[in-house]
Amino acid sequence: MKKILIVAATIVFAALGCKGPGKPEVDKMAMADIAIDESVGNSAATDPPSEYELKAAAPGPKGYSNRYSTPVGVKIEKKIIKEGDIHFKTGDINETRKTLYASLKKLGGYVAEESENNDSESGQKEITLQTRIPAKNFDAFLTNVSANAESIDSKNIRIQDVTTRFIDVTTQLANKKKLEERYLELLKKGSKISDLLEIENKLTEIRSDIESTQGQLNYLSKQVEFSSLDITFYSKQTAQDNGQSFGYKIKTAVLSGWQILGSLFFGFVAWWPIWLVLLGGIVFLRRWAKR
């Protein structure tokens, strides 16, 4: 079917080319050719191209061929996304937090999100940091984090190669921009309002696709440029007894008795004028009895 459409488009285009100069109009077959190109450009990158699709596909912008090939003359570096998480125990949780922030600042990273949790039953305080660090400094930062650990509970590092995906999205973006240029050329040649409206609608769709693809490329580039590391560290404080154990009751009883004894002693001392008067009275009575 595609072969028949291509042959018909070629015949009509040749017939129109033989006509003398007249009023400029939008070339319907050119729009049909663009529609074929658009359908080819939007198909899945994994679909193998047929001979007719390759013929119908329009060449990309300068520096590119079509959607089935990578940018010409452009060396694509390997695109790696590196991410990980680490969970460890530390002696001083507040000091560790300050150290990690200082290390991030020095290496050009930042904290995307921070959360803190206190468990009153176990007496454990925990802090979680979601950090972003330049990919080139990821290993250095991970070493600094590990150096602050008293003991590491878990550490996981994940590496993902997205070079193929990066090339595919880049090529899709280039082809969509080229398609936009072709519709803009038709817009300049158009004279009928219906044709102009149709082209404007197609341009709106294409520009929306361009923005979406550009967003995907920006997000992918950000992931490649900045690696992510989720850090969770904690410290165990002295557990507080809930008042139900036998040991806690004995301890409370001894402390209460000591407090009572202390209160009696200091109360006795506070009454020293009375004790002094009584003592003087006793001495006087004893002397008087002897006489």
C-alpha atoms as a PDB file:
ATOM      1  CA  MET A   1       0.000   0.000   0.000  1.00  0.00           C
ATOM      2  CA  LYS A   2       2.803   2.391   0.871  1.00  0.00           C
ATOM      3  CA  LYS A   3       4.490   1.653  -2.449  1.00  0.00           C
ATOM      4  CA  ILE A   4       1.338   2.616  -4.349  1.00  0.00           C
ATOM      5  CA  LEU A   5       1.028   5.865  -2.356  1.00  0.00           C
ATOM      6  CA  ILE A   6       4.640   6.791  -3.058  1.00  0.00           C
ATOM      7  CA  VAL A   7       4.299   6.131  -6.813  1.00  0.00           C
ATOM      8  CA  ALA A   8       1.035   8.106  -6.964  1.00  0.00           C
ATOM      9  CA  ALA A   9       2.606  10.994  -5.058  1.00  0.00           C
ATOM     10  CA  THR A  10       5.560  11.051  -7.498  1.00  0.00           C
ATOM     11  CA  ILE A  11       3.301  11.132 -10.586  1.00  0.00           C
ATOM     12  CA  VAL A  12       1.087  13.930  -9.259  1.00  0.00           C
ATOM     13  CA  PHE A  13       4.079  15.946  -8.087  1.00  0.00           C
ATOM     14  CA  ALA A  14       5.680  15.640 -11.559  1.00  0.00           C
ATOM     15  CA  ALA A  15       2.403  16.729 -13.198  1.00  0.00           C
ATOM     16  CA  LEU A  16       2.166  19.785 -10.987  1.00  0.00           C
ATOM     17  CA  GLY A  17       5.802  20.630 -11.694  1.00  0.00           C
ATOM     18  CA  CYS A  18       5.079  20.809 -15.438  1.00  0.00           C
ATOM     19  CA  LYS A  19       2.451  23.555 -14.978  1.00  0.00           C
ATOM     20  CA  GLY A  20       3.336  27.147 -15.628  1.00  0.00           C
ATOM     21  CA  PRO A  21       3.706  29.678 -12.824  1.00  0.00           C
ATOM     22  CA  GLY A  22       0.437  30.455 -11.098  1.00  0.00           C
ATOM     23  CA  LYS A  23      -0.995  31.344  -7.734  1.00  0.00           C
ATOM     24  CA  PRO A  24       1.064  29.691  -4.953  1.00  0.00           C
ATOM     25  CA  GLU A  25      -0.815  26.975  -3.106  1.00  0.00           C
ATOM     26  CA  VAL A  26       0.067  24.370  -0.538  1.00  0.00           C
ATOM     27  CA  ASP A  27       1.347  21.229  -2.255  1.00  0.00           C
ATOM     28  CA  LYS A  28      -1.055  18.524  -1.095  1.00  0.00           C
ATOM     29  CA  MET A  29       1.339  15.770  -2.058  1.00  0.00           C
ATOM     30  CA  ALA A  30       4.097  17.507  -0.117  1.00  0.00           C
ATOM     31  CA  MET A  31       1.817  17.437   2.913  1.00  0.00           C
ATOM     32  CA  ALA A  32       1.131  13.767   2.239  1.00  0.00           C
ATOM     33  CA  ASP A  33       4.877  13.153   2.075  1.00  0.00           C
ATOM     34  CA  ILE A  34       5.309  14.971   5.387  1.00  0.00           C
ATOM     35  CA  ALA A  35       2.520  12.886   6.900  1.00  0.00           C
ATOM     36  CA  ILE A  36       4.380   9.732   5.842  1.00  0.00           C
ATOM     37  CA  ASP A  37       7.584  11.174   7.277  1.00  0.00           C
ATOM     38  CA  GLU A  38       5.796  12.043  10.515  1.00  0.00           C
ATOM     39  CA  SER A  39       4.365   8.541  10.883  1.00  0.00           C
ATOM     40  CA  VAL A  40       7.820   7.086  10.300  1.00  0.00           C
ATOM     41  CA  GLY A  41       9.427   9.462  12.800  1.00  0.00           C
ATOM     42  CA  ASN A  42       6.900   8.630  15.507  1.00  0.00           C
ATOM     43  CA  SER A  43       7.088   4.858  15.134  1.00  0.00           C
ATOM     44  CA  ALA A  44       8.937   2.784  17.698  1.00  0.00           C
ATOM     45  CA  ALA A  45      12.697   2.998  17.440  1.00  0.00           C
ATOM     46  CA  THR A  46      12.922  -0.764  17.733  1.00  0.00           C
ATOM     47  CA  ASP A  47      10.899  -1.363  14.532  1.00  0.00           C
ATOM     48  CA  PRO A  48      13.189  -2.258  11.617  1.00  0.00           C
ATOM     49  CA  PRO A  49      12.794   0.236   8.727  1.00  0.00           C
ATOM     50  CA  SER A  50      11.495  -0.992   5.406  1.00  0.00           C
ATOM     51  CA  GLU A  51      12.964   0.043   2.075  1.00  0.00           C
ATOM     52  CA  TYR A  52      10.031   2.385   1.349  1.00  0.00           C
ATOM     53  CA  GLU A  53      10.158   3.975   4.808  1.00  0.00           C
ATOM     54  CA  LEU A  54      13.794   4.824   4.287  1.00  0.00           C
ATOM     55  CA  LYS A  55      12.972   6.422   0.937  1.00  0.00           C
ATOM     56  CA  ALA A  56      10.033   8.384   2.335  1.00  0.00           C
ATOM     57  CA  ALA A  57      11.800   9.545   5.487  1.00  0.00           C
ATOM     58  CA  ALA A  58      13.029  13.104   5.143  1.00  0.00           C
ATOM     59  CA  PRO A  59      16.668  13.891   5.913  1.00  0.00           C
ATOM     60  CA  GLY A  60      17.294  15.400   9.343  1.00  0.00           C
ATOM     61  CA  PRO A  61      18.810  18.793  10.075  1.00  0.00           C
ATOM     62  CA  LYS A  62      22.411  19.586   9.359  1.00  0.00           C
ATOM     63  CA  GLY A  63      24.613  17.087  11.150  1.00  0.00           C
ATOM     64  CA  TYR A  64      21.930  14.366  11.160  1.00  0.00           C
ATOM     65  CA  SER A  65      20.676  11.785   8.702  1.00  0.00           C
ATOM     66  CA  ASN A  66      17.274  10.253   9.558  1.00  0.00           C
ATOM     67  CA  ARG A  67      15.766   8.746  12.692  1.00  0.00           C
ATOM     68  CA  TYR A  68      17.405   5.375  12.041  1.00  0.00           C
ATOM     69  CA  SER A  69      20.921   6.694  12.413  1.00  0.00           C
ATOM     70  CA  THR A  70      22.868   8.537  15.072  1.00  0.00           C
ATOM     71  CA  PRO A  71      24.077  12.156  14.658  1.00  0.00           C
ATOM     72  CA  VAL A  72      26.664  12.415  11.910  1.00  0.00           C
ATOM     73  CA  GLY A  73      30.108  13.619  12.980  1.00  0.00           C
ATOM     74  CA  VAL A  74      29.061  13.840  16.641  1.00  0.00           C
ATOM     75  CA  LYS A  75      30.781  11.605  19.166  1.00  0.00           C
ATOM     76  CA  ILE A  76      28.324  10.483  21.831  1.00  0.00           C
ATOM     77  CA  GLU A  77      30.006   9.845  25.159  1.00  0.00           C
ATOM     78  CA  LYS A  78      28.788   7.008  27.296  1.00  0.00           C
ATOM     79  CA  LYS A  79      25.848   8.098  29.442  1.00  0.00           C
ATOM     80  CA  ILE A  80      25.788   6.454  32.858  1.00  0.00           C
ATOM     81  CA  ILE A  81      23.253   6.919  35.666  1.00  0.00           C
ATOM     82  CA  LYS A  82      24.716   6.059  39.050  1.00  0.00           C
ATOM     83  CA  GLU A  83      22.645   5.847  42.204  1.00  0.00           C
ATOM     84  CA  GLY A  84      22.803   4.105  45.545  1.00  0.00           C
ATOM     85  CA  ASP A  85      21.834   3.969  49.200  1.00  0.00           C
ATOM     86  CA  ILE A  86      23.717   3.406  52.455  1.00  0.00           C
ATOM     87  CA  HIS A  87      22.491   2.673  55.991  1.00  0.00           C
ATOM     88  CA  PHE A  88      24.873   2.893  58.952  1.00  0.00           C
ATOM     89  CA  LYS A  89      25.278   3.531  62.674  1.00  0.00           C
ATOM     90  CA  THR A  90      27.208   6.500  64.013  1.00  0.00           C
ATOM     91  CA  GLY A  91      28.388   7.582  67.440  1.00  0.00           C
ATOM     92  CA  ASP A  92      27.328  11.232  67.212  1.00  0.00           C
ATOM     93  CA  ILE A  93      24.398  11.747  64.857  1.00  0.00           C
ATOM     94  CA  ASN A  94      24.486  15.561  64.923  1.00  0.00           C
ATOM     95  CA  GLU A  95      28.213  15.715  64.223  1.00  0.00           C
ATOM     96  CA  THR A  96      27.822  13.234  61.362  1.00  0.00           C
ATOM     97  CA  ARG A  97      25.093  15.390  59.824  1.00  0.00           C
ATOM     98  CA  LYS A  98      27.338  18.477  59.926  1.00  0.00           C
ATOM     99  CA  THR A  99      30.219  16.533  58.373  1.00  0.00           C
ATOM    100  CA  LEU A 100      28.071  15.219  55.506  1.00  0.00           C
ATOM    101  CA  TYR A 101      26.702  18.680  54.724  1.00  0.00           C
ATOM    102  CA  ALA A 102      30.229  20.090  54.654  1.00  0.00           C
ATOM    103  CA  SER A 103      31.409  17.288  52.357  1.00  0.00           C
ATOM    104  CA  LEU A 104      28.468  17.857  49.986  1.00  0.00           C
ATOM    105  CA  LYS A 105      29.197  21.571  49.778  1.00  0.00           C
ATOM    106  CA  LYS A 106      32.866  20.920  49.040  1.00  0.00           C
ATOM    107  CA  LEU A 107      32.110  18.418  46.250  1.00  0.00           C
ATOM    108  CA  GLY A 108      29.361  20.499  44.616  1.00  0.00           C
ATOM    109  CA  GLY A 109      26.391  18.448  45.783  1.00  0.00           C
ATOM    110  CA  TYR A 110      23.228  19.282  47.665  1.00  0.00           C
ATOM    111  CA  VAL A 111      20.510  17.743  49.849  1.00  0.00           C
ATOM    112  CA  ALA A 112      17.233  17.271  47.973  1.00  0.00           C
ATOM    113  CA  GLU A 113      15.270  16.107  51.022  1.00  0.00           C
ATOM    114  CA  GLU A 114      15.898  15.465  54.724  1.00  0.00           C
ATOM    115  CA  SER A 115      13.802  13.624  57.303  1.00  0.00           C
ATOM    116  CA  GLU A 116      14.324  12.831  61.006  1.00  0.00           C
ATOM    117  CA  ASN A 117      12.766  10.112  63.136  1.00  0.00           C
ATOM    118  CA  ASN A 118      12.930   9.539  66.906  1.00  0.00           C
ATOM    119  CA  ASP A 119      11.889   6.219  68.423  1.00  0.00           C
ATOM    120  CA  SER A 120      11.112   6.748  72.119  1.00  0.00           C
ATOM    121  CA  GLU A 121      10.812   3.013  72.853  1.00  0.00           C
ATOM    122  CA  SER A 122      14.219   1.998  71.518  1.00  0.00           C
ATOM    123  CA  GLY A 123      15.851   5.361  72.184  1.00  0.00           C
ATOM    124  CA  GLN A 124      17.046   5.512  68.562  1.00  0.00           C
ATOM    125  CA  LYS A 125      17.363   8.725  66.560  1.00  0.00           C
ATOM    126  CA  GLU A 126      17.542   8.420  62.768  1.00  0.00           C
ATOM    127  CA  ILE A 127      18.190  10.922  59.952  1.00  0.00           C
ATOM    128  CA  THR A 128      17.687  10.286  56.221  1.00  0.00           C
ATOM    129  CA  LEU A 129      19.286  12.496  53.551  1.00  0.00           C
ATOM    130  CA  GLN A 130      18.440  12.283  49.851  1.00  0.00           C
ATOM    131  CA  THR A 131      21.518  13.777  48.227  1.00  0.00           C
ATOM    132  CA  ARG A 132      22.536  14.727  44.687  1.00  0.00           C
ATOM    133  CA  ILE A 133      26.223  14.799  43.810  1.00  0.00           C
ATOM    134  CA  PRO A 134      28.081  15.429  40.523  1.00  0.00           C
ATOM    135  CA  ALA A 135      28.726  12.063  38.897  1.00  0.00           C
ATOM    136  CA  LYS A 136      32.497  12.645  38.833  1.00  0.00           C
ATOM    137  CA  ASN A 137      32.521  13.140  42.642  1.00  0.00           C
ATOM    138  CA  PHE A 138      30.189  10.263  43.536  1.00  0.00           C
ATOM    139  CA  ASP A 139      32.916   7.820  44.597  1.00  0.00           C
ATOM    140  CA  ALA A 140      34.744  10.459  46.654  1.00  0.00           C
ATOM    141  CA  PHE A 141      31.550  11.394  48.484  1.00  0.00           C
ATOM    142  CA  LEU A 142      30.676   7.745  49.139  1.00  0.00           C
ATOM    143  CA  THR A 143      34.120   7.278  50.699  1.00  0.00           C
ATOM    144  CA  ASN A 144      33.552  10.276  52.978  1.00  0.00           C
ATOM    145  CA  VAL A 145      30.157   8.930  54.034  1.00  0.00           C
ATOM    146  CA  SER A 146      31.580   5.494  54.850  1.00  0.00           C
ATOM    147  CA  ALA A 147      34.340   7.113  56.935  1.00  0.00           C
ATOM    148  CA  ASN A 148      31.687   8.531  59.304  1.00  0.00           C
ATOM    149  CA  ALA A 149      30.132   5.133  59.932  1.00  0.00           C
ATOM    150  CA  GLU A 150      30.668   3.281  63.183  1.00  0.00           C
ATOM    151  CA  SER A 151      29.237   0.192  61.496  1.00  0.00           C
ATOM    152  CA  ILE A 152      27.602  -0.140  58.053  1.00  0.00           C
ATOM    153  CA  ASP A 153      24.333  -2.092  57.978  1.00  0.00           C
ATOM    154  CA  SER A 154      23.847  -2.010  54.190  1.00  0.00           C
ATOM    155  CA  LYS A 155      25.274  -0.363  51.069  1.00  0.00           C
ATOM    156  CA  ASN A 156      23.894  -0.702  47.523  1.00  0.00           C
ATOM    157  CA  ILE A 157      25.231   0.940  44.355  1.00  0.00           C
ATOM    158  CA  ARG A 158      23.343   0.727  41.030  1.00  0.00           C
ATOM    159  CA  ILE A 159      24.753   1.678  37.618  1.00  0.00           C
ATOM    160  CA  GLN A 160      22.587   2.036  34.493  1.00  0.00           C
ATOM    161  CA  ASP A 161      23.884   2.603  30.959  1.00  0.00           C
ATOM    162  CA  VAL A 162      21.414   4.905  29.120  1.00  0.00           C
ATOM    163  CA  THR A 163      23.591   5.762  26.118  1.00  0.00           C
ATOM    164  CA  THR A 164      21.217   4.118  23.628  1.00  0.00           C
ATOM    165  CA  ARG A 165      18.194   5.830  25.149  1.00  0.00           C
ATOM    166  CA  PHE A 166      20.001   9.178  25.144  1.00  0.00           C
ATOM    167  CA  ILE A 167      20.861   8.836  21.443  1.00  0.00           C
ATOM    168  CA  ASP A 168      17.308   7.777  20.603  1.00  0.00           C
ATOM    169  CA  VAL A 169      15.710  10.752  22.387  1.00  0.00           C
ATOM    170  CA  THR A 170      18.263  13.167  20.868  1.00  0.00           C
ATOM    171  CA  THR A 171      17.546  11.882  17.362  1.00  0.00           C
ATOM    172  CA  GLN A 172      13.779  12.023  17.898  1.00  0.00           C
ATOM    173  CA  LEU A 173      14.091  15.639  18.989  1.00  0.00           C
ATOM    174  CA  ALA A 174      16.175  16.533  15.919  1.00  0.00           C
ATOM    175  CA  ASN A 175      13.706  14.878  13.549  1.00  0.00           C
ATOM    176  CA  LYS A 176      10.719  16.610  15.141  1.00  0.00           C
ATOM    177  CA  LYS A 177      12.441  19.961  14.774  1.00  0.00           C
ATOM    178  CA  LYS A 178      13.140  19.196  11.102  1.00  0.00           C
ATOM    179  CA  LEU A 179       9.485  18.263  10.631  1.00  0.00           C
ATOM    180  CA  GLU A 180       8.518  21.594  12.162  1.00  0.00           C
ATOM    181  CA  GLU A 181      10.749  23.376   9.639  1.00  0.00           C
ATOM    182  CA  ARG A 182       9.053  21.602   6.729  1.00  0.00           C
ATOM    183  CA  TYR A 183       5.597  22.622   7.928  1.00  0.00           C
ATOM    184  CA  LEU A 184       6.817  26.192   8.362  1.00  0.00           C
ATOM    185  CA  GLU A 185       7.952  26.157   4.722  1.00  0.00           C
ATOM    186  CA  LEU A 186       4.496  24.974   3.663  1.00  0.00           C
ATOM    187  CA  LEU A 187       2.931  27.703   5.800  1.00  0.00           C
ATOM    188  CA  LYS A 188       4.819  30.334   3.795  1.00  0.00           C
ATOM    189  CA  LYS A 189       3.565  28.867   0.503  1.00  0.00           C
ATOM    190  CA  GLY A 190      -0.056  28.403   1.582  1.00  0.00           C
ATOM    191  CA  SER A 191      -2.884  30.660   0.418  1.00  0.00           C
ATOM    192  CA  LYS A 192      -6.077  28.793   1.317  1.00  0.00           C
ATOM    193  CA  ILE A 193      -7.417  29.384   4.793  1.00  0.00           C
ATOM    194  CA  SER A 194      -8.324  25.706   5.222  1.00  0.00           C
ATOM    195  CA  ASP A 195      -4.763  24.678   4.364  1.00  0.00           C
ATOM    196  CA  LEU A 196      -3.298  27.300   6.687  1.00  0.00           C
ATOM    197  CA  LEU A 197      -5.499  26.154   9.552  1.00  0.00           C
ATOM    198  CA  GLU A 198      -4.546  22.544   8.962  1.00  0.00           C
ATOM    199  CA  ILE A 199      -0.858  23.413   8.975  1.00  0.00           C
ATOM    200  CA  GLU A 200      -1.224  25.502  12.124  1.00  0.00           C
ATOM    201  CA  ASN A 201      -2.893  22.583  13.899  1.00  0.00           C
ATOM    202  CA  LYS A 202      -0.085  20.250  12.850  1.00  0.00           C
ATOM    203  CA  LEU A 203       2.519  22.779  14.008  1.00  0.00           C
ATOM    204  CA  THR A 204       0.819  22.969  17.418  1.00  0.00           C
ATOM    205  CA  GLU A 205       0.969  19.184  17.769  1.00  0.00           C
ATOM    206  CA  ILE A 206       4.584  19.032  16.645  1.00  0.00           C
ATOM    207  CA  ARG A 207       5.673  21.803  19.008  1.00  0.00           C
ATOM    208  CA  SER A 208       3.958  20.034  21.878  1.00  0.00           C
ATOM    209  CA  ASP A 209       5.868  16.862  20.987  1.00  0.00           C
ATOM    210  CA  ILE A 210       9.095  18.850  20.803  1.00  0.00           C
ATOM    211  CA  GLU A 211       8.564  20.281  24.299  1.00  0.00           C
ATOM    212  CA  SER A 212       7.770  16.837  25.694  1.00  0.00           C
ATOM    213  CA  THR A 213      10.821  15.249  24.074  1.00  0.00           C
ATOM    214  CA  GLN A 214      13.032  18.131  25.206  1.00  0.00           C
ATOM    215  CA  GLY A 215      11.765  17.614  28.761  1.00  0.00           C
ATOM    216  CA  GLN A 216      12.673  13.930  28.588  1.00  0.00           C
ATOM    217  CA  LEU A 217      16.138  14.812  27.324  1.00  0.00           C
ATOM    218  CA  ASN A 218      16.665  17.405  30.063  1.00  0.00           C
ATOM    219  CA  TYR A 219      15.574  14.958  32.765  1.00  0.00           C
ATOM    220  CA  LEU A 220      17.847  12.252  31.376  1.00  0.00           C
ATOM    221  CA  SER A 221      20.777  14.669  31.204  1.00  0.00           C
ATOM    222  CA  LYS A 222      20.159  15.739  34.815  1.00  0.00           C
ATOM    223  CA  GLN A 223      20.211  12.125  35.969  1.00  0.00           C
ATOM    224  CA  VAL A 224      23.479  11.535  34.137  1.00  0.00           C
ATOM    225  CA  GLU A 225      25.082  14.740  35.405  1.00  0.00           C
ATOM    226  CA  PHE A 226      24.067  14.298  39.064  1.00  0.00           C
ATOM    227  CA  SER A 227      24.176  10.928  40.792  1.00  0.00           C
ATOM    228  CA  SER A 228      21.856  10.230  43.724  1.00  0.00           C
ATOM    229  CA  LEU A 229      22.734   8.724  47.088  1.00  0.00           C
ATOM    230  CA  ASP A 230      20.199   8.102  49.863  1.00  0.00           C
ATOM    231  CA  ILE A 231      21.914   8.177  53.273  1.00  0.00           C
ATOM    232  CA  THR A 232      20.317   6.860  56.468  1.00  0.00           C
ATOM    233  CA  PHE A 233      22.292   7.033  59.717  1.00  0.00           C
ATOM    234  CA  TYR A 234      21.291   6.563  63.335  1.00  0.00           C
ATOM    235  CA  SER A 235      22.601   6.451  66.891  1.00  0.00           C
ATOM    236  CA  LYS A 236      21.249   4.467  69.832  1.00  0.00           C
ATOM    237  CA  GLN A 237      20.806   6.412  73.061  1.00  0.00           C
ATOM    238  CA  THR A 238      20.353   4.951  76.553  1.00  0.00           C
ATOM    239  CA  ALA A 239      17.021   3.191  76.587  1.00  0.00           C
ATOM    240  CA  GLN A 240      14.436   4.667  78.924  1.00  0.00           C
ATOM    241  CA  ASP A 241      12.622   2.100  81.140  1.00  0.00           C
ATOM    242  CA  ASN A 242       8.849   2.209  80.813  1.00  0.00           C
ATOM    243  CA  GLY A 243       8.347   1.717  84.602  1.00  0.00           C
ATOM    244  CA  GLN A 244       7.058  -1.855  84.434  1.00  0.00           C
ATOM    245  CA  SER A 245      10.199  -3.880  85.119  1.00  0.00           C
ATOM    246  CA  PHE A 246      11.214  -5.181  88.583  1.00  0.00           C
ATOM    247  CA  GLY A 247      14.613  -3.508  88.370  1.00  0.00           C
ATOM    248  CA  TYR A 248      13.043  -0.169  87.626  1.00  0.00           C
ATOM    249  CA  LYS A 249      10.715  -0.503  90.653  1.00  0.00           C
ATOM    250  CA  ILE A 250      13.607  -1.406  93.004  1.00  0.00           C
ATOM    251  CA  LYS A 251      15.605   1.532  91.718  1.00  0.00           C
ATOM    252  CA  THR A 252      12.626   3.856  92.195  1.00  0.00           C
ATOM    253  CA  ALA A 253      12.009   2.574  95.752  1.00  0.00           C
ATOM    254  CA  VAL A 254      15.657   3.087  96.792  1.00  0.00           C
ATOM    255  CA  LEU A 255      15.698   6.581  95.322  1.00  0.00           C
ATOM    256  CA  SER A 256      12.401   7.418  97.044  1.00  0.00           C
ATOM    257  CA  GLY A 257      13.702   6.142 100.423  1.00  0.00           C
ATOM    258  CA  TRP A 258      16.878   8.152 100.018  1.00  0.00           C
ATOM    259  CA  GLN A 259      14.857  11.237  99.229  1.00  0.00           C
ATOM    260  CA  ILE A 260      12.678  10.686 102.319  1.00  0.00           C
ATOM    261  CA  LEU A 261      15.761  10.214 104.525  1.00  0.00           C
ATOM    262  CA  GLY A 262      17.283  13.333 103.071  1.00  0.00           C
ATOM    263  CA  SER A 263      14.107  15.273 103.702  1.00  0.00           C
ATOM    264  CA  LEU A 264      14.008  14.111 107.348  1.00  0.00           C
ATOM    265  CA  PHE A 265      17.622  15.010 107.935  1.00  0.00           C
ATOM    266  CA  PHE A 266      17.341  18.465 106.437  1.00  0.00           C
ATOM    267  CA  GLY A 267      14.035  18.971 108.253  1.00  0.00           C
ATOM    268  CA  PHE A 268      15.732  18.027 111.531  1.00  0.00           C
ATOM    269  CA  VAL A 269      18.548  20.457 110.848  1.00  0.00           C
ATOM    270  CA  ALA A 270      16.045  23.178 109.992  1.00  0.00           C
ATOM    271  CA  TRP A 271      14.562  22.884 113.514  1.00  0.00           C
ATOM    272  CA  TRP A 272      17.933  23.539 115.204  1.00  0.00           C
ATOM    273  CA  PRO A 273      16.690  26.482 117.385  1.00  0.00           C
ATOM    274  CA  ILE A 274      14.111  24.210 119.008  1.00  0.00           C
ATOM    275  CA  TRP A 275      16.647  21.449 119.543  1.00  0.00           C
ATOM    276  CA  LEU A 276      19.011  23.999 121.102  1.00  0.00           C
ATOM    277  CA  VAL A 277      16.332  25.264 123.524  1.00  0.00           C
ATOM    278  CA  LEU A 278      15.402  21.690 124.498  1.00  0.00           C
ATOM    279  CA  LEU A 279      19.045  20.787 125.053  1.00  0.00           C
ATOM    280  CA  GLY A 280      19.516  23.863 127.295  1.00  0.00           C
ATOM    281  CA  GLY A 281      16.375  22.946 129.261  1.00  0.00           C
ATOM    282  CA  ILE A 282      17.586  19.384 129.833  1.00  0.00           C
ATOM    283  CA  VAL A 283      20.962  20.617 131.111  1.00  0.00           C
ATOM    284  CA  PHE A 284      19.275  23.112 133.465  1.00  0.00           C
ATOM    285  CA  LEU A 285      16.878  20.449 134.848  1.00  0.00           C
ATOM    286  CA  ARG A 286      19.694  17.998 135.521  1.00  0.00           C
ATOM    287  CA  ARG A 287      21.717  20.608 137.465  1.00  0.00           C
ATOM    288  CA  TRP A 288      18.678  21.699 139.429  1.00  0.00           C
ATOM    289  CA  ALA A 289      17.939  18.034 140.352  1.00  0.00           C
ATOM    290  CA  LYS A 290      21.459  17.572 141.711  1.00  0.00           C
ATOM    291  CA  ARG A 291      21.115  20.596 144.010  1.00  0.00           C
END
